[in-house]
Amino acid sequence: MKFQVTDIRFDFIIDDDELSPEDQLAIIEDTCGQIWDADNEDDLVEEITCATGWCIKSIDYRHVLS
């Protein structure tokens, strides 16, 4: 299945340190709008987590029909 992320929130806090707002925005912009291949929603979350290195707090997406 193909998914397009429309909105996403990551957990950008590391050991009481936070990623800069500019870096956070860059990661969010790289993720949103992109088409992701995944088997289901759980796989989508895993794919994005592996690709970005950040855990996801919430995600909105739409299914893309081929």
PDB file of N, CA and C in Angstrom:
ATOM      1  N   MET A   1       0.844  -1.177   0.000  1.00  0.00           N
ATOM      2  CA  MET A   1       0.000   0.000   0.000  1.00  0.00           C
ATOM      3  C   MET A   1       0.889   1.240   0.000  1.00  0.00           C
ATOM      4  N   LYS A   2       0.340   2.303  -0.543  1.00  0.00           N
ATOM      5  CA  LYS A   2       1.065   3.565  -0.559  1.00  0.00           C
ATOM      6  C   LYS A   2       0.337   4.562   0.342  1.00  0.00           C
ATOM      7  N   PHE A   3       1.130   5.308   1.109  1.00  0.00           N
ATOM      8  CA  PHE A   3       0.597   6.300   2.041  1.00  0.00           C
ATOM      9  C   PHE A   3       1.282   7.635   1.784  1.00  0.00           C
ATOM     10  N   GLN A   4       0.519   8.719   1.945  1.00  0.00           N
ATOM     11  CA  GLN A   4       1.095  10.056   1.906  1.00  0.00           C
ATOM     12  C   GLN A   4       0.840  10.698   3.263  1.00  0.00           C
ATOM     13  N   VAL A   5       1.913  11.076   3.934  1.00  0.00           N
ATOM     14  CA  VAL A   5       1.802  11.694   5.248  1.00  0.00           C
ATOM     15  C   VAL A   5       1.318  13.126   5.070  1.00  0.00           C
ATOM     16  N   THR A   6       0.252  13.485   5.782  1.00  0.00           N
ATOM     17  CA  THR A   6      -0.297  14.838   5.696  1.00  0.00           C
ATOM     18  C   THR A   6       0.079  15.675   6.916  1.00  0.00           C
ATOM     19  N   ASP A   7       0.340  15.014   8.033  1.00  0.00           N
ATOM     20  CA  ASP A   7       0.764  15.713   9.247  1.00  0.00           C
ATOM     21  C   ASP A   7       1.468  14.705  10.148  1.00  0.00           C
ATOM     22  N   ILE A   8       2.516  15.156  10.821  1.00  0.00           N
ATOM     23  CA  ILE A   8       3.265  14.247  11.685  1.00  0.00           C
ATOM     24  C   ILE A   8       3.888  15.030  12.830  1.00  0.00           C
ATOM     25  N   ARG A   9       3.930  14.400  14.002  1.00  0.00           N
ATOM     26  CA  ARG A   9       4.611  14.969  15.171  1.00  0.00           C
ATOM     27  C   ARG A   9       5.587  13.929  15.679  1.00  0.00           C
ATOM     28  N   PHE A  10       6.844  14.354  15.809  1.00  0.00           N
ATOM     29  CA  PHE A  10       7.895  13.481  16.300  1.00  0.00           C
ATOM     30  C   PHE A  10       8.211  13.804  17.749  1.00  0.00           C
ATOM     31  N   ASP A  11       8.825  12.864  18.444  1.00  0.00           N
ATOM     32  CA  ASP A  11       9.339  13.080  19.799  1.00  0.00           C
ATOM     33  C   ASP A  11      10.805  13.495  19.647  1.00  0.00           C
ATOM     34  N   PHE A  12      11.040  14.802  19.546  1.00  0.00           N
ATOM     35  CA  PHE A  12      12.378  15.323  19.280  1.00  0.00           C
ATOM     36  C   PHE A  12      13.218  15.532  20.534  1.00  0.00           C
ATOM     37  N   ILE A  13      12.769  15.050  21.689  1.00  0.00           N
ATOM     38  CA  ILE A  13      13.524  15.258  22.927  1.00  0.00           C
ATOM     39  C   ILE A  13      14.472  14.085  23.159  1.00  0.00           C
ATOM     40  N   ILE A  14      15.748  14.406  23.389  1.00  0.00           N
ATOM     41  CA  ILE A  14      16.784  13.406  23.666  1.00  0.00           C
ATOM     42  C   ILE A  14      17.454  13.782  24.982  1.00  0.00           C
ATOM     43  N   ASP A  15      17.304  12.961  25.992  1.00  0.00           N
ATOM     44  CA  ASP A  15      17.986  13.199  27.269  1.00  0.00           C
ATOM     45  C   ASP A  15      17.901  14.658  27.705  1.00  0.00           C
ATOM     46  N   ASP A  16      16.703  15.188  27.768  1.00  0.00           N
ATOM     47  CA  ASP A  16      16.442  16.575  28.168  1.00  0.00           C
ATOM     48  C   ASP A  16      17.014  17.605  27.200  1.00  0.00           C
ATOM     49  N   ASP A  17      17.478  17.178  26.045  1.00  0.00           N
ATOM     50  CA  ASP A  17      17.957  18.078  24.993  1.00  0.00           C
ATOM     51  C   ASP A  17      16.955  18.026  23.858  1.00  0.00           C
ATOM     52  N   GLU A  18      16.686  19.165  23.260  1.00  0.00           N
ATOM     53  CA  GLU A  18      15.734  19.205  22.167  1.00  0.00           C
ATOM     54  C   GLU A  18      16.455  19.584  20.888  1.00  0.00           C
ATOM     55  N   LEU A  19      16.050  19.011  19.784  1.00  0.00           N
ATOM     56  CA  LEU A  19      16.579  19.343  18.472  1.00  0.00           C
ATOM     57  C   LEU A  19      16.160  20.773  18.135  1.00  0.00           C
ATOM     58  N   SER A  20      16.997  21.501  17.435  1.00  0.00           N
ATOM     59  CA  SER A  20      16.674  22.900  17.106  1.00  0.00           C
ATOM     60  C   SER A  20      15.388  22.957  16.278  1.00  0.00           C
ATOM     61  N   PRO A  21      14.640  24.054  16.405  1.00  0.00           N
ATOM     62  CA  PRO A  21      13.400  24.185  15.635  1.00  0.00           C
ATOM     63  C   PRO A  21      13.629  24.081  14.127  1.00  0.00           C
ATOM     64  N   GLU A  22      14.745  24.597  13.639  1.00  0.00           N
ATOM     65  CA  GLU A  22      15.045  24.524  12.209  1.00  0.00           C
ATOM     66  C   GLU A  22      15.249  23.076  11.775  1.00  0.00           C
ATOM     67  N   ASP A  23      15.974  22.293  12.572  1.00  0.00           N
ATOM     68  CA  ASP A  23      16.198  20.885  12.251  1.00  0.00           C
ATOM     69  C   ASP A  23      14.900  20.082  12.351  1.00  0.00           C
ATOM     70  N   GLN A  24      14.076  20.401  13.339  1.00  0.00           N
ATOM     71  CA  GLN A  24      12.786  19.732  13.474  1.00  0.00           C
ATOM     72  C   GLN A  24      11.928  19.978  12.237  1.00  0.00           C
ATOM     73  N   LEU A  25      11.856  21.234  11.810  1.00  0.00           N
ATOM     74  CA  LEU A  25      11.046  21.589  10.643  1.00  0.00           C
ATOM     75  C   LEU A  25      11.549  20.885   9.387  1.00  0.00           C
ATOM     76  N   ALA A  26      12.849  20.785   9.227  1.00  0.00           N
ATOM     77  CA  ALA A  26      13.418  20.110   8.055  1.00  0.00           C
ATOM     78  C   ALA A  26      13.005  18.642   8.011  1.00  0.00           C
ATOM     79  N   ILE A  27      13.032  17.970   9.154  1.00  0.00           N
ATOM     80  CA  ILE A  27      12.637  16.559   9.211  1.00  0.00           C
ATOM     81  C   ILE A  27      11.150  16.402   8.912  1.00  0.00           C
ATOM     82  N   ILE A  28      10.339  17.277   9.482  1.00  0.00           N
ATOM     83  CA  ILE A  28       8.890  17.228   9.243  1.00  0.00           C
ATOM     84  C   ILE A  28       8.591  17.477   7.766  1.00  0.00           C
ATOM     85  N   GLU A  29       9.231  18.476   7.175  1.00  0.00           N
ATOM     86  CA  GLU A  29       8.990  18.788   5.765  1.00  0.00           C
ATOM     87  C   GLU A  29       9.456  17.662   4.845  1.00  0.00           C
ATOM     88  N   ASP A  30      10.542  16.987   5.203  1.00  0.00           N
ATOM     89  CA  ASP A  30      11.027  15.861   4.401  1.00  0.00           C
ATOM     90  C   ASP A  30      10.060  14.679   4.455  1.00  0.00           C
ATOM     91  N   THR A  31       9.338  14.558   5.567  1.00  0.00           N
ATOM     92  CA  THR A  31       8.436  13.420   5.766  1.00  0.00           C
ATOM     93  C   THR A  31       7.052  13.673   5.181  1.00  0.00           C
ATOM     94  N   CYS A  32       6.516  14.868   5.397  1.00  0.00           N
ATOM     95  CA  CYS A  32       5.167  15.194   4.915  1.00  0.00           C
ATOM     96  C   CYS A  32       5.163  15.339   3.400  1.00  0.00           C
ATOM     97  N   GLY A  33       4.115  14.848   2.807  1.00  0.00           N
ATOM     98  CA  GLY A  33       3.963  14.941   1.372  1.00  0.00           C
ATOM     99  C   GLY A  33       4.625  13.809   0.623  1.00  0.00           C
ATOM    100  N   GLN A  34       5.580  13.170   1.239  1.00  0.00           N
ATOM    101  CA  GLN A  34       6.285  12.055   0.600  1.00  0.00           C
ATOM    102  C   GLN A  34       5.373  10.827   0.549  1.00  0.00           C
ATOM    103  N   ILE A  35       5.537  10.032  -0.500  1.00  0.00           N
ATOM    104  CA  ILE A  35       4.784   8.783  -0.627  1.00  0.00           C
ATOM    105  C   ILE A  35       5.621   7.672  -0.003  1.00  0.00           C
ATOM    106  N   TRP A  36       5.002   6.914   0.915  1.00  0.00           N
ATOM    107  CA  TRP A  36       5.676   5.832   1.631  1.00  0.00           C
ATOM    108  C   TRP A  36       5.016   4.512   1.281  1.00  0.00           C
ATOM    109  N   ASP A  37       5.813   3.486   1.042  1.00  0.00           N
ATOM    110  CA  ASP A  37       5.302   2.129   0.835  1.00  0.00           C
ATOM    111  C   ASP A  37       5.314   1.404   2.172  1.00  0.00           C
ATOM    112  N   ALA A  38       4.174   0.838   2.547  1.00  0.00           N
ATOM    113  CA  ALA A  38       4.072   0.098   3.806  1.00  0.00           C
ATOM    114  C   ALA A  38       2.903  -0.874   3.704  1.00  0.00           C
ATOM    115  N   ASP A  39       2.949  -1.902   4.539  1.00  0.00           N
ATOM    116  CA  ASP A  39       1.890  -2.913   4.534  1.00  0.00           C
ATOM    117  C   ASP A  39       0.622  -2.429   5.236  1.00  0.00           C
ATOM    118  N   ASN A  40       0.799  -1.593   6.277  1.00  0.00           N
ATOM    119  CA  ASN A  40      -0.322  -1.086   7.073  1.00  0.00           C
ATOM    120  C   ASN A  40       0.174   0.114   7.882  1.00  0.00           C
ATOM    121  N   GLU A  41      -0.685   0.656   8.749  1.00  0.00           N
ATOM    122  CA  GLU A  41      -0.313   1.844   9.524  1.00  0.00           C
ATOM    123  C   GLU A  41       0.877   1.575  10.447  1.00  0.00           C
ATOM    124  N   ASP A  42       0.911   0.425  11.091  1.00  0.00           N
ATOM    125  CA  ASP A  42       2.032   0.113  11.980  1.00  0.00           C
ATOM    126  C   ASP A  42       3.342   0.036  11.204  1.00  0.00           C
ATOM    127  N   ASP A  43       3.287  -0.558  10.028  1.00  0.00           N
ATOM    128  CA  ASP A  43       4.479  -0.648   9.188  1.00  0.00           C
ATOM    129  C   ASP A  43       4.900   0.742   8.708  1.00  0.00           C
ATOM    130  N   LEU A  44       3.939   1.608   8.418  1.00  0.00           N
ATOM    131  CA  LEU A  44       4.228   2.983   8.017  1.00  0.00           C
ATOM    132  C   LEU A  44       4.999   3.708   9.114  1.00  0.00           C
ATOM    133  N   VAL A  45       4.524   3.585  10.344  1.00  0.00           N
ATOM    134  CA  VAL A  45       5.203   4.213  11.483  1.00  0.00           C
ATOM    135  C   VAL A  45       6.619   3.674  11.618  1.00  0.00           C
ATOM    136  N   GLU A  46       6.779   2.375  11.465  1.00  0.00           N
ATOM    137  CA  GLU A  46       8.105   1.750  11.563  1.00  0.00           C
ATOM    138  C   GLU A  46       9.028   2.233  10.443  1.00  0.00           C
ATOM    139  N   GLU A  47       8.514   2.321   9.230  1.00  0.00           N
ATOM    140  CA  GLU A  47       9.303   2.791   8.090  1.00  0.00           C
ATOM    141  C   GLU A  47       9.805   4.215   8.322  1.00  0.00           C
ATOM    142  N   ILE A  48       8.919   5.094   8.778  1.00  0.00           N
ATOM    143  CA  ILE A  48       9.298   6.492   9.001  1.00  0.00           C
ATOM    144  C   ILE A  48      10.271   6.613  10.172  1.00  0.00           C
ATOM    145  N   THR A  49      10.025   5.853  11.233  1.00  0.00           N
ATOM    146  CA  THR A  49      10.928   5.871  12.382  1.00  0.00           C
ATOM    147  C   THR A  49      12.329   5.422  11.974  1.00  0.00           C
ATOM    148  N   CYS A  50      12.416   4.368  11.192  1.00  0.00           N
ATOM    149  CA  CYS A  50      13.727   3.879  10.729  1.00  0.00           C
ATOM    150  C   CYS A  50      14.401   4.886   9.804  1.00  0.00           C
ATOM    151  N   ALA A  51      13.623   5.517   8.930  1.00  0.00           N
ATOM    152  CA  ALA A  51      14.190   6.461   7.961  1.00  0.00           C
ATOM    153  C   ALA A  51      14.667   7.753   8.615  1.00  0.00           C
ATOM    154  N   THR A  52      13.944   8.213   9.644  1.00  0.00           N
ATOM    155  CA  THR A  52      14.296   9.503  10.260  1.00  0.00           C
ATOM    156  C   THR A  52      15.132   9.351  11.525  1.00  0.00           C
ATOM    157  N   GLY A  53      14.982   8.221  12.200  1.00  0.00           N
ATOM    158  CA  GLY A  53      15.677   8.030  13.467  1.00  0.00           C
ATOM    159  C   GLY A  53      14.933   8.628  14.654  1.00  0.00           C
ATOM    160  N   TRP A  54      13.687   9.048  14.446  1.00  0.00           N
ATOM    161  CA  TRP A  54      12.892   9.674  15.509  1.00  0.00           C
ATOM    162  C   TRP A  54      11.591   8.921  15.710  1.00  0.00           C
ATOM    163  N   CYS A  55      11.163   8.805  16.964  1.00  0.00           N
ATOM    164  CA  CYS A  55       9.876   8.187  17.288  1.00  0.00           C
ATOM    165  C   CYS A  55       8.752   9.147  16.917  1.00  0.00           C
ATOM    166  N   ILE A  56       7.627   8.576  16.563  1.00  0.00           N
ATOM    167  CA  ILE A  56       6.469   9.358  16.135  1.00  0.00           C
ATOM    168  C   ILE A  56       5.463   9.449  17.280  1.00  0.00           C
ATOM    169  N   LYS A  57       5.020  10.684  17.570  1.00  0.00           N
ATOM    170  CA  LYS A  57       3.984  10.901  18.583  1.00  0.00           C
ATOM    171  C   LYS A  57       2.593  10.770  17.973  1.00  0.00           C
ATOM    172  N   SER A  58       2.411  11.343  16.777  1.00  0.00           N
ATOM    173  CA  SER A  58       1.127  11.227  16.082  1.00  0.00           C
ATOM    174  C   SER A  58       1.368  11.376  14.585  1.00  0.00           C
ATOM    175  N   ILE A  59       0.454  10.798  13.818  1.00  0.00           N
ATOM    176  CA  ILE A  59       0.594  10.833  12.360  1.00  0.00           C
ATOM    177  C   ILE A  59      -0.782  10.843  11.710  1.00  0.00           C
ATOM    178  N   ASP A  60      -0.914  11.644  10.667  1.00  0.00           N
ATOM    179  CA  ASP A  60      -2.102  11.645   9.812  1.00  0.00           C
ATOM    180  C   ASP A  60      -1.606  11.353   8.404  1.00  0.00           C
ATOM    181  N   TYR A  61      -2.391  10.602   7.664  1.00  0.00           N
ATOM    182  CA  TYR A  61      -1.974  10.210   6.329  1.00  0.00           C
ATOM    183  C   TYR A  61      -3.209   9.932   5.478  1.00  0.00           C
ATOM    184  N   ARG A  62      -2.950   9.757   4.198  1.00  0.00           N
ATOM    185  CA  ARG A  62      -4.018   9.312   3.306  1.00  0.00           C
ATOM    186  C   ARG A  62      -3.484   8.174   2.460  1.00  0.00           C
ATOM    187  N   HIS A  63      -4.363   7.310   2.049  1.00  0.00           N
ATOM    188  CA  HIS A  63      -3.989   6.208   1.152  1.00  0.00           C
ATOM    189  C   HIS A  63      -3.870   6.761  -0.261  1.00  0.00           C
ATOM    190  N   VAL A  64      -2.857   6.347  -0.962  1.00  0.00           N
ATOM    191  CA  VAL A  64      -2.660   6.785  -2.351  1.00  0.00           C
ATOM    192  C   VAL A  64      -3.016   5.606  -3.250  1.00  0.00           C
ATOM    193  N   LEU A  65      -3.960   5.842  -4.126  1.00  0.00           N
ATOM    194  CA  LEU A  65      -4.366   4.800  -5.066  1.00  0.00           C
ATOM    195  C   LEU A  65      -3.504   4.905  -6.317  1.00  0.00           C
ATOM    196  N   SER A  66      -3.060   3.774  -6.788  1.00  0.00           N
ATOM    197  CA  SER A  66      -2.185   3.767  -7.978  1.00  0.00           C
ATOM    198  C   SER A  66      -2.975   3.952  -9.240  1.00  0.00           C
TER     199      SER A  66
END
